Amino acid sequence: MAQARAKPDRSRRCALLDALRGLTVINMVFFHFMWDYVYIFGFSAPWYLGRGAFVWQQAICCTFITLSGFCAAMGKHTIRRGGIVFGIGAAITLITALFMPDELIVFGVLTLIGSCMLLVGVTKKWLKKIPAWAGLACSFLLFAFTRPVNSGGPGFFFKRLAELPDWLYHDYFTAYLGFPQPGFFSTDYFSLVPWLFLFLTGFFLHGVCGEKILSVKWRGIRPLNFIGRHALFIYVIHQPVVYGLLCAANWCISRNSPF
């Protein structure tokens, strides 16, 4: 009787990705804690209003989106999972519209990632035919070129070099694509352009070096691995938890204040 082949240790192979995702989730929670601390509860933190906090925020979202694209390349149920993530993003929009209109989230990061997963899930068999190095280079260059389109036109990362016509910035559909109309407001805004191209950068990165990354024999760090495996759940619950903790802290401070 032939011996059964040993199954690869998938949990070990993905430890690096889980740890990276877990570290990013921790950074996200602390960033949003500071957001609530400063913008909702009105506490002073001058450093949070500077360039350093912006770089911190960009590092978090870029890591999340790139990792999501990388994982989409090796996932088997991309369309189904994309629908779930998109649905959660839509639910967050509805909840903030009803209960926290001053903190409204329209086309947030979950809406973006869900949309990207759906688009990649539908086109994956064609995307796989593109040489990985070419796809990686083109996707990243397109991301750099379209990064400033939300503010009026293409360029190079944050420097706008051209102006797009005003009629393109028309309504919520164009805002979803990347061209927000005058007066558009969202506290968490990630449009398809430019961020789809960063998602595709992660997708093609898997084709370039995915097997090497996934075969790294490292068990990771258990708490980070756990957080990384439950990133979506933590994302959904972290804001109510953070808000509740700050409410409790603010209440305790007000009770102990002599004024």
C-alpha atoms as a PDB file:
ATOM      1  CA  MET A   1       0.000   0.000   0.000  1.00  0.00           C
ATOM      2  CA  ALA A   2       1.522   3.321  -1.075  1.00  0.00           C
ATOM      3  CA  GLN A   3       2.370   5.768   1.648  1.00  0.00           C
ATOM      4  CA  ALA A   4       0.242   8.908   1.746  1.00  0.00           C
ATOM      5  CA  ARG A   5       2.089  12.085   0.948  1.00  0.00           C
ATOM      6  CA  ALA A   6       2.596  14.434   3.853  1.00  0.00           C
ATOM      7  CA  LYS A   7       0.419  17.511   3.613  1.00  0.00           C
ATOM      8  CA  PRO A   8       2.211  20.849   3.702  1.00  0.00           C
ATOM      9  CA  ASP A   9       1.978  22.807   6.928  1.00  0.00           C
ATOM     10  CA  ARG A  10      -0.216  25.637   5.705  1.00  0.00           C
ATOM     11  CA  SER A  11      -0.420  27.349   9.102  1.00  0.00           C
ATOM     12  CA  ARG A  12       3.377  27.555   9.277  1.00  0.00           C
ATOM     13  CA  ARG A  13       3.732  28.689   5.660  1.00  0.00           C
ATOM     14  CA  CYS A  14       1.349  31.581   6.254  1.00  0.00           C
ATOM     15  CA  ALA A  15       2.831  32.634   9.605  1.00  0.00           C
ATOM     16  CA  LEU A  16       4.743  35.543   8.083  1.00  0.00           C
ATOM     17  CA  LEU A  17       1.613  36.937   6.422  1.00  0.00           C
ATOM     18  CA  ASP A  18      -0.421  36.512   9.601  1.00  0.00           C
ATOM     19  CA  ALA A  19       2.246  38.288  11.637  1.00  0.00           C
ATOM     20  CA  LEU A  20       2.462  41.183   9.182  1.00  0.00           C
ATOM     21  CA  ARG A  21      -1.313  41.498   9.114  1.00  0.00           C
ATOM     22  CA  GLY A  22      -1.461  41.303  12.904  1.00  0.00           C
ATOM     23  CA  LEU A  23       1.144  44.047  13.315  1.00  0.00           C
ATOM     24  CA  THR A  24      -0.794  46.218  10.866  1.00  0.00           C
ATOM     25  CA  VAL A  25      -4.050  45.645  12.764  1.00  0.00           C
ATOM     26  CA  ILE A  26      -2.408  46.726  16.026  1.00  0.00           C
ATOM     27  CA  ASN A  27      -1.143  49.903  14.355  1.00  0.00           C
ATOM     28  CA  MET A  28      -4.618  50.532  12.932  1.00  0.00           C
ATOM     29  CA  VAL A  29      -6.282  50.187  16.340  1.00  0.00           C
ATOM     30  CA  PHE A  30      -3.848  52.637  17.934  1.00  0.00           C
ATOM     31  CA  PHE A  31      -4.235  55.065  15.020  1.00  0.00           C
ATOM     32  CA  HIS A  32      -8.019  55.037  15.309  1.00  0.00           C
ATOM     33  CA  PHE A  33      -7.725  55.367  19.087  1.00  0.00           C
ATOM     34  CA  MET A  34      -5.825  58.598  18.525  1.00  0.00           C
ATOM     35  CA  TRP A  35      -8.360  59.713  15.900  1.00  0.00           C
ATOM     36  CA  ASP A  36     -11.228  59.350  18.374  1.00  0.00           C
ATOM     37  CA  TYR A  37      -9.107  60.888  21.147  1.00  0.00           C
ATOM     38  CA  VAL A  38      -8.386  64.023  19.109  1.00  0.00           C
ATOM     39  CA  TYR A  39     -11.313  64.516  16.705  1.00  0.00           C
ATOM     40  CA  ILE A  40     -14.266  63.110  18.651  1.00  0.00           C
ATOM     41  CA  PHE A  41     -13.338  63.742  22.285  1.00  0.00           C
ATOM     42  CA  GLY A  42     -11.364  66.916  21.627  1.00  0.00           C
ATOM     43  CA  PHE A  43      -8.188  66.091  23.521  1.00  0.00           C
ATOM     44  CA  SER A  44      -4.944  67.758  22.496  1.00  0.00           C
ATOM     45  CA  ALA A  45      -2.215  65.791  20.700  1.00  0.00           C
ATOM     46  CA  PRO A  46      -0.325  68.191  18.400  1.00  0.00           C
ATOM     47  CA  TRP A  47       1.971  65.476  17.047  1.00  0.00           C
ATOM     48  CA  TYR A  48      -1.061  63.627  15.676  1.00  0.00           C
ATOM     49  CA  LEU A  49      -1.886  66.581  13.431  1.00  0.00           C
ATOM     50  CA  GLY A  50       1.543  66.558  11.782  1.00  0.00           C
ATOM     51  CA  ARG A  51       3.221  64.761   8.883  1.00  0.00           C
ATOM     52  CA  GLY A  52       4.329  61.854  11.069  1.00  0.00           C
ATOM     53  CA  ALA A  53       0.750  60.758  11.728  1.00  0.00           C
ATOM     54  CA  PHE A  54      -0.040  61.015   8.006  1.00  0.00           C
ATOM     55  CA  VAL A  55       2.925  58.781   7.148  1.00  0.00           C
ATOM     56  CA  TRP A  56       1.767  56.352   9.868  1.00  0.00           C
ATOM     57  CA  GLN A  57      -1.752  56.236   8.383  1.00  0.00           C
ATOM     58  CA  GLN A  58      -0.462  55.730   4.843  1.00  0.00           C
ATOM     59  CA  ALA A  59       1.846  52.913   5.945  1.00  0.00           C
ATOM     60  CA  ILE A  60      -1.084  51.122   7.593  1.00  0.00           C
ATOM     61  CA  CYS A  61      -3.481  51.348   4.651  1.00  0.00           C
ATOM     62  CA  CYS A  62      -0.819  50.563   2.028  1.00  0.00           C
ATOM     63  CA  THR A  63       0.247  47.445   3.925  1.00  0.00           C
ATOM     64  CA  PHE A  64      -3.351  46.282   4.351  1.00  0.00           C
ATOM     65  CA  ILE A  65      -4.249  46.746   0.693  1.00  0.00           C
ATOM     66  CA  THR A  66      -1.054  45.161  -0.618  1.00  0.00           C
ATOM     67  CA  LEU A  67      -1.448  42.156   1.683  1.00  0.00           C
ATOM     68  CA  SER A  68      -5.075  41.797   0.601  1.00  0.00           C
ATOM     69  CA  GLY A  69      -4.010  41.679  -3.046  1.00  0.00           C
ATOM     70  CA  PHE A  70      -1.274  39.170  -2.257  1.00  0.00           C
ATOM     71  CA  CYS A  71      -3.750  36.876  -0.475  1.00  0.00           C
ATOM     72  CA  ALA A  72      -6.324  37.257  -3.278  1.00  0.00           C
ATOM     73  CA  ALA A  73      -3.808  35.708  -5.662  1.00  0.00           C
ATOM     74  CA  MET A  74      -3.719  32.472  -3.674  1.00  0.00           C
ATOM     75  CA  GLY A  75      -7.338  32.383  -2.452  1.00  0.00           C
ATOM     76  CA  LYS A  76      -9.944  30.002  -3.882  1.00  0.00           C
ATOM     77  CA  HIS A  77     -13.133  31.835  -2.933  1.00  0.00           C
ATOM     78  CA  THR A  78     -12.195  35.408  -3.827  1.00  0.00           C
ATOM     79  CA  ILE A  79     -15.620  36.396  -5.161  1.00  0.00           C
ATOM     80  CA  ARG A  80     -17.519  35.052  -2.147  1.00  0.00           C
ATOM     81  CA  ARG A  81     -15.135  36.647   0.324  1.00  0.00           C
ATOM     82  CA  GLY A  82     -15.170  39.871  -1.651  1.00  0.00           C
ATOM     83  CA  GLY A  83     -18.953  39.986  -1.412  1.00  0.00           C
ATOM     84  CA  ILE A  84     -18.779  39.504   2.365  1.00  0.00           C
ATOM     85  CA  VAL A  85     -16.177  42.257   2.824  1.00  0.00           C
ATOM     86  CA  PHE A  86     -18.100  44.624   0.526  1.00  0.00           C
ATOM     87  CA  GLY A  87     -21.299  43.923   2.463  1.00  0.00           C
ATOM     88  CA  ILE A  88     -19.609  44.714   5.785  1.00  0.00           C
ATOM     89  CA  GLY A  89     -18.294  47.954   4.291  1.00  0.00           C
ATOM     90  CA  ALA A  90     -21.822  48.883   3.168  1.00  0.00           C
ATOM     91  CA  ALA A  91     -23.152  48.094   6.656  1.00  0.00           C
ATOM     92  CA  ILE A  92     -20.544  50.400   8.218  1.00  0.00           C
ATOM     93  CA  THR A  93     -21.654  53.172   5.849  1.00  0.00           C
ATOM     94  CA  LEU A  94     -25.290  52.681   6.870  1.00  0.00           C
ATOM     95  CA  ILE A  95     -24.508  52.577  10.606  1.00  0.00           C
ATOM     96  CA  THR A  96     -22.389  55.735  10.530  1.00  0.00           C
ATOM     97  CA  ALA A  97     -25.029  57.515   8.413  1.00  0.00           C
ATOM     98  CA  LEU A  98     -27.757  56.671  10.945  1.00  0.00           C
ATOM     99  CA  PHE A  99     -25.925  57.042  14.250  1.00  0.00           C
ATOM    100  CA  MET A 100     -22.704  59.016  13.629  1.00  0.00           C
ATOM    101  CA  PRO A 101     -23.308  61.353  10.646  1.00  0.00           C
ATOM    102  CA  ASP A 102     -20.427  63.592  11.700  1.00  0.00           C
ATOM    103  CA  GLU A 103     -18.123  60.566  11.306  1.00  0.00           C
ATOM    104  CA  LEU A 104     -19.742  59.281   8.111  1.00  0.00           C
ATOM    105  CA  ILE A 105     -17.796  56.602   6.227  1.00  0.00           C
ATOM    106  CA  VAL A 106     -18.572  56.391   2.506  1.00  0.00           C
ATOM    107  CA  PHE A 107     -16.433  54.137   0.290  1.00  0.00           C
ATOM    108  CA  GLY A 108     -14.201  53.130   3.182  1.00  0.00           C
ATOM    109  CA  VAL A 109     -11.347  50.657   3.087  1.00  0.00           C
ATOM    110  CA  LEU A 110     -13.592  47.575   3.403  1.00  0.00           C
ATOM    111  CA  THR A 111     -15.731  48.733   0.477  1.00  0.00           C
ATOM    112  CA  LEU A 112     -12.541  49.151  -1.520  1.00  0.00           C
ATOM    113  CA  ILE A 113     -11.038  45.775  -0.606  1.00  0.00           C
ATOM    114  CA  GLY A 114     -14.346  44.014  -1.230  1.00  0.00           C
ATOM    115  CA  SER A 115     -14.635  45.693  -4.635  1.00  0.00           C
ATOM    116  CA  CYS A 116     -11.062  44.760  -5.547  1.00  0.00           C
ATOM    117  CA  MET A 117     -11.625  41.149  -4.509  1.00  0.00           C
ATOM    118  CA  LEU A 118     -14.764  40.952  -6.636  1.00  0.00           C
ATOM    119  CA  LEU A 119     -13.019  42.441  -9.667  1.00  0.00           C
ATOM    120  CA  VAL A 120      -9.959  40.226  -9.276  1.00  0.00           C
ATOM    121  CA  GLY A 121     -12.125  37.167  -8.636  1.00  0.00           C
ATOM    122  CA  VAL A 122     -13.927  37.689 -11.936  1.00  0.00           C
ATOM    123  CA  THR A 123     -10.758  38.385 -13.936  1.00  0.00           C
ATOM    124  CA  LYS A 124      -8.244  36.174 -12.128  1.00  0.00           C
ATOM    125  CA  LYS A 125      -7.794  33.647 -14.925  1.00  0.00           C
ATOM    126  CA  TRP A 126      -6.810  36.456 -17.304  1.00  0.00           C
ATOM    127  CA  LEU A 127      -4.649  38.253 -14.740  1.00  0.00           C
ATOM    128  CA  LYS A 128      -2.711  35.024 -14.177  1.00  0.00           C
ATOM    129  CA  LYS A 129      -1.700  35.058 -17.854  1.00  0.00           C
ATOM    130  CA  ILE A 130       0.126  38.389 -17.456  1.00  0.00           C
ATOM    131  CA  PRO A 131       3.845  37.976 -16.657  1.00  0.00           C
ATOM    132  CA  ALA A 132       4.160  38.670 -12.944  1.00  0.00           C
ATOM    133  CA  TRP A 133       7.086  41.096 -13.216  1.00  0.00           C
ATOM    134  CA  ALA A 134       5.293  43.122 -15.893  1.00  0.00           C
ATOM    135  CA  GLY A 135       2.058  43.166 -13.910  1.00  0.00           C
ATOM    136  CA  LEU A 136       3.884  44.218 -10.742  1.00  0.00           C
ATOM    137  CA  ALA A 137       5.767  47.060 -12.445  1.00  0.00           C
ATOM    138  CA  CYS A 138       2.737  48.357 -14.375  1.00  0.00           C
ATOM    139  CA  SER A 139       0.408  48.193 -11.367  1.00  0.00           C
ATOM    140  CA  PHE A 140       2.804  50.070  -9.110  1.00  0.00           C
ATOM    141  CA  LEU A 141       3.513  52.727 -11.750  1.00  0.00           C
ATOM    142  CA  LEU A 142      -0.218  53.186 -12.336  1.00  0.00           C
ATOM    143  CA  PHE A 143      -0.715  53.569  -8.579  1.00  0.00           C
ATOM    144  CA  ALA A 144       2.001  56.237  -8.445  1.00  0.00           C
ATOM    145  CA  PHE A 145       0.572  57.998 -11.520  1.00  0.00           C
ATOM    146  CA  THR A 146      -3.037  58.046 -10.291  1.00  0.00           C
ATOM    147  CA  ARG A 147      -2.363  58.648  -6.576  1.00  0.00           C
ATOM    148  CA  PRO A 148      -3.405  62.354  -6.722  1.00  0.00           C
ATOM    149  CA  VAL A 149      -6.567  61.928  -8.845  1.00  0.00           C
ATOM    150  CA  ASN A 150      -8.836  62.358  -5.806  1.00  0.00           C
ATOM    151  CA  SER A 151      -7.652  65.962  -5.601  1.00  0.00           C
ATOM    152  CA  GLY A 152      -7.952  66.867  -9.269  1.00  0.00           C
ATOM    153  CA  GLY A 153      -5.632  64.981 -11.593  1.00  0.00           C
ATOM    154  CA  PRO A 154      -2.817  62.510 -12.174  1.00  0.00           C
ATOM    155  CA  GLY A 155       0.829  63.024 -11.304  1.00  0.00           C
ATOM    156  CA  PHE A 156       3.412  61.171  -9.294  1.00  0.00           C
ATOM    157  CA  PHE A 157       2.380  59.988  -5.829  1.00  0.00           C
ATOM    158  CA  PHE A 158       1.289  63.162  -3.984  1.00  0.00           C
ATOM    159  CA  LYS A 159       2.417  65.679  -6.610  1.00  0.00           C
ATOM    160  CA  ARG A 160      -0.326  66.533  -9.111  1.00  0.00           C
ATOM    161  CA  LEU A 161       1.044  67.254 -12.581  1.00  0.00           C
ATOM    162  CA  ALA A 162      -2.152  67.654 -14.614  1.00  0.00           C
ATOM    163  CA  GLU A 163      -5.785  68.690 -14.195  1.00  0.00           C
ATOM    164  CA  LEU A 164      -8.757  66.538 -15.132  1.00  0.00           C
ATOM    165  CA  PRO A 165     -12.012  68.168 -16.361  1.00  0.00           C
ATOM    166  CA  ASP A 166     -14.488  69.231 -13.689  1.00  0.00           C
ATOM    167  CA  TRP A 167     -17.332  67.226 -15.232  1.00  0.00           C
ATOM    168  CA  LEU A 168     -15.526  64.037 -14.245  1.00  0.00           C
ATOM    169  CA  TYR A 169     -15.962  64.928 -10.544  1.00  0.00           C
ATOM    170  CA  HIS A 170     -19.721  64.695 -10.643  1.00  0.00           C
ATOM    171  CA  ASP A 171     -21.521  62.374  -8.201  1.00  0.00           C
ATOM    172  CA  TYR A 172     -21.235  59.433  -5.812  1.00  0.00           C
ATOM    173  CA  PHE A 173     -20.526  56.964  -8.605  1.00  0.00           C
ATOM    174  CA  THR A 174     -17.583  59.004  -9.842  1.00  0.00           C
ATOM    175  CA  ALA A 175     -16.475  59.354  -6.204  1.00  0.00           C
ATOM    176  CA  TYR A 176     -16.519  55.550  -5.915  1.00  0.00           C
ATOM    177  CA  LEU A 177     -14.296  55.378  -8.998  1.00  0.00           C
ATOM    178  CA  GLY A 178     -11.898  58.024  -7.661  1.00  0.00           C
ATOM    179  CA  PHE A 179     -13.311  61.383  -8.729  1.00  0.00           C
ATOM    180  CA  PRO A 180     -15.254  62.855  -5.763  1.00  0.00           C
ATOM    181  CA  GLN A 181     -17.754  65.621  -6.409  1.00  0.00           C
ATOM    182  CA  PRO A 182     -17.423  69.024  -4.683  1.00  0.00           C
ATOM    183  CA  GLY A 183     -18.600  68.752  -1.097  1.00  0.00           C
ATOM    184  CA  PHE A 184     -18.059  65.001  -0.887  1.00  0.00           C
ATOM    185  CA  PHE A 185     -17.348  63.942   2.702  1.00  0.00           C
ATOM    186  CA  SER A 186     -16.095  60.705   4.216  1.00  0.00           C
ATOM    187  CA  THR A 187     -13.859  60.127   7.220  1.00  0.00           C
ATOM    188  CA  ASP A 188     -12.454  56.987   5.561  1.00  0.00           C
ATOM    189  CA  TYR A 189     -12.266  57.301   1.770  1.00  0.00           C
ATOM    190  CA  PHE A 190     -10.570  54.751  -0.497  1.00  0.00           C
ATOM    191  CA  SER A 191     -11.675  54.887  -4.124  1.00  0.00           C
ATOM    192  CA  LEU A 192     -11.003  52.302  -6.817  1.00  0.00           C
ATOM    193  CA  VAL A 193      -8.529  54.653  -8.468  1.00  0.00           C
ATOM    194  CA  PRO A 194      -5.752  54.700  -7.332  1.00  0.00           C
ATOM    195  CA  TRP A 195      -6.061  51.941  -4.723  1.00  0.00           C
ATOM    196  CA  LEU A 196      -7.081  49.128  -7.079  1.00  0.00           C
ATOM    197  CA  PHE A 197      -3.617  49.413  -8.612  1.00  0.00           C
ATOM    198  CA  LEU A 198      -1.961  48.911  -5.209  1.00  0.00           C
ATOM    199  CA  PHE A 199      -4.184  45.866  -4.656  1.00  0.00           C
ATOM    200  CA  LEU A 200      -3.003  44.531  -8.033  1.00  0.00           C
ATOM    201  CA  THR A 201       0.579  45.277  -7.008  1.00  0.00           C
ATOM    202  CA  GLY A 202       0.092  42.846  -4.143  1.00  0.00           C
ATOM    203  CA  PHE A 203      -1.601  40.370  -6.469  1.00  0.00           C
ATOM    204  CA  PHE A 204       1.344  40.309  -8.883  1.00  0.00           C
ATOM    205  CA  LEU A 205       3.846  40.365  -6.012  1.00  0.00           C
ATOM    206  CA  HIS A 206       2.557  36.911  -5.177  1.00  0.00           C
ATOM    207  CA  GLY A 207       3.415  35.781  -8.688  1.00  0.00           C
ATOM    208  CA  VAL A 208       6.943  37.186  -8.396  1.00  0.00           C
ATOM    209  CA  CYS A 209       7.966  35.919  -4.970  1.00  0.00           C
ATOM    210  CA  GLY A 210       4.897  34.382  -3.344  1.00  0.00           C
ATOM    211  CA  GLU A 211       6.220  30.842  -3.088  1.00  0.00           C
ATOM    212  CA  LYS A 212       9.445  32.028  -1.477  1.00  0.00           C
ATOM    213  CA  ILE A 213       7.547  34.144   1.056  1.00  0.00           C
ATOM    214  CA  LEU A 214       5.060  31.392   1.879  1.00  0.00           C
ATOM    215  CA  SER A 215       7.788  28.771   2.280  1.00  0.00           C
ATOM    216  CA  VAL A 216       9.675  30.744   4.938  1.00  0.00           C
ATOM    217  CA  LYS A 217      10.045  28.322   7.843  1.00  0.00           C
ATOM    218  CA  TRP A 218       9.111  30.673  10.629  1.00  0.00           C
ATOM    219  CA  ARG A 219       6.380  30.047  13.153  1.00  0.00           C
ATOM    220  CA  GLY A 220       5.752  33.718  13.671  1.00  0.00           C
ATOM    221  CA  ILE A 221       4.722  35.322  16.950  1.00  0.00           C
ATOM    222  CA  ARG A 222       1.637  33.688  18.363  1.00  0.00           C
ATOM    223  CA  PRO A 223      -0.279  36.842  19.443  1.00  0.00           C
ATOM    224  CA  LEU A 224       0.440  38.541  16.104  1.00  0.00           C
ATOM    225  CA  ASN A 225      -0.540  35.406  14.195  1.00  0.00           C
ATOM    226  CA  PHE A 226      -3.843  35.220  16.098  1.00  0.00           C
ATOM    227  CA  ILE A 227      -4.641  38.877  15.454  1.00  0.00           C
ATOM    228  CA  GLY A 228      -3.716  38.505  11.792  1.00  0.00           C
ATOM    229  CA  ARG A 229      -6.003  35.494  11.327  1.00  0.00           C
ATOM    230  CA  HIS A 230      -8.932  37.457  12.802  1.00  0.00           C
ATOM    231  CA  ALA A 231      -8.170  40.820  11.173  1.00  0.00           C
ATOM    232  CA  LEU A 232     -11.637  41.352   9.669  1.00  0.00           C
ATOM    233  CA  PHE A 233     -13.462  40.625  12.932  1.00  0.00           C
ATOM    234  CA  ILE A 234     -11.125  42.936  14.858  1.00  0.00           C
ATOM    235  CA  TYR A 235     -11.597  45.666  12.257  1.00  0.00           C
ATOM    236  CA  VAL A 236     -15.383  45.476  12.640  1.00  0.00           C
ATOM    237  CA  ILE A 237     -15.428  45.612  16.453  1.00  0.00           C
ATOM    238  CA  HIS A 238     -12.423  47.782  17.265  1.00  0.00           C
ATOM    239  CA  GLN A 239     -14.059  51.188  16.768  1.00  0.00           C
ATOM    240  CA  PRO A 240     -17.032  50.520  19.102  1.00  0.00           C
ATOM    241  CA  VAL A 241     -14.596  49.117  21.688  1.00  0.00           C
ATOM    242  CA  VAL A 242     -12.216  52.076  21.378  1.00  0.00           C
ATOM    243  CA  TYR A 243     -15.118  54.545  21.512  1.00  0.00           C
ATOM    244  CA  GLY A 244     -16.543  52.833  24.582  1.00  0.00           C
ATOM    245  CA  LEU A 245     -13.186  52.877  26.384  1.00  0.00           C
ATOM    246  CA  LEU A 246     -12.713  56.565  25.653  1.00  0.00           C
ATOM    247  CA  CYS A 247     -16.264  57.330  26.805  1.00  0.00           C
ATOM    248  CA  ALA A 248     -15.557  55.531  30.075  1.00  0.00           C
ATOM    249  CA  ALA A 249     -12.233  57.326  30.520  1.00  0.00           C
ATOM    250  CA  ASN A 250     -13.830  60.694  29.737  1.00  0.00           C
ATOM    251  CA  TRP A 251     -16.596  60.022  32.266  1.00  0.00           C
ATOM    252  CA  CYS A 252     -14.054  59.122  34.965  1.00  0.00           C
ATOM    253  CA  ILE A 253     -12.051  62.268  34.251  1.00  0.00           C
ATOM    254  CA  SER A 254     -15.148  64.464  34.405  1.00  0.00           C
ATOM    255  CA  ARG A 255     -16.231  62.930  37.710  1.00  0.00           C
ATOM    256  CA  ASN A 256     -12.852  63.526  39.301  1.00  0.00           C
ATOM    257  CA  SER A 257     -12.510  67.050  37.936  1.00  0.00           C
ATOM    258  CA  PRO A 258     -13.052  69.813  40.554  1.00  0.00           C
ATOM    259  CA  PHE A 259     -14.864  71.809  37.849  1.00  0.00           C
END
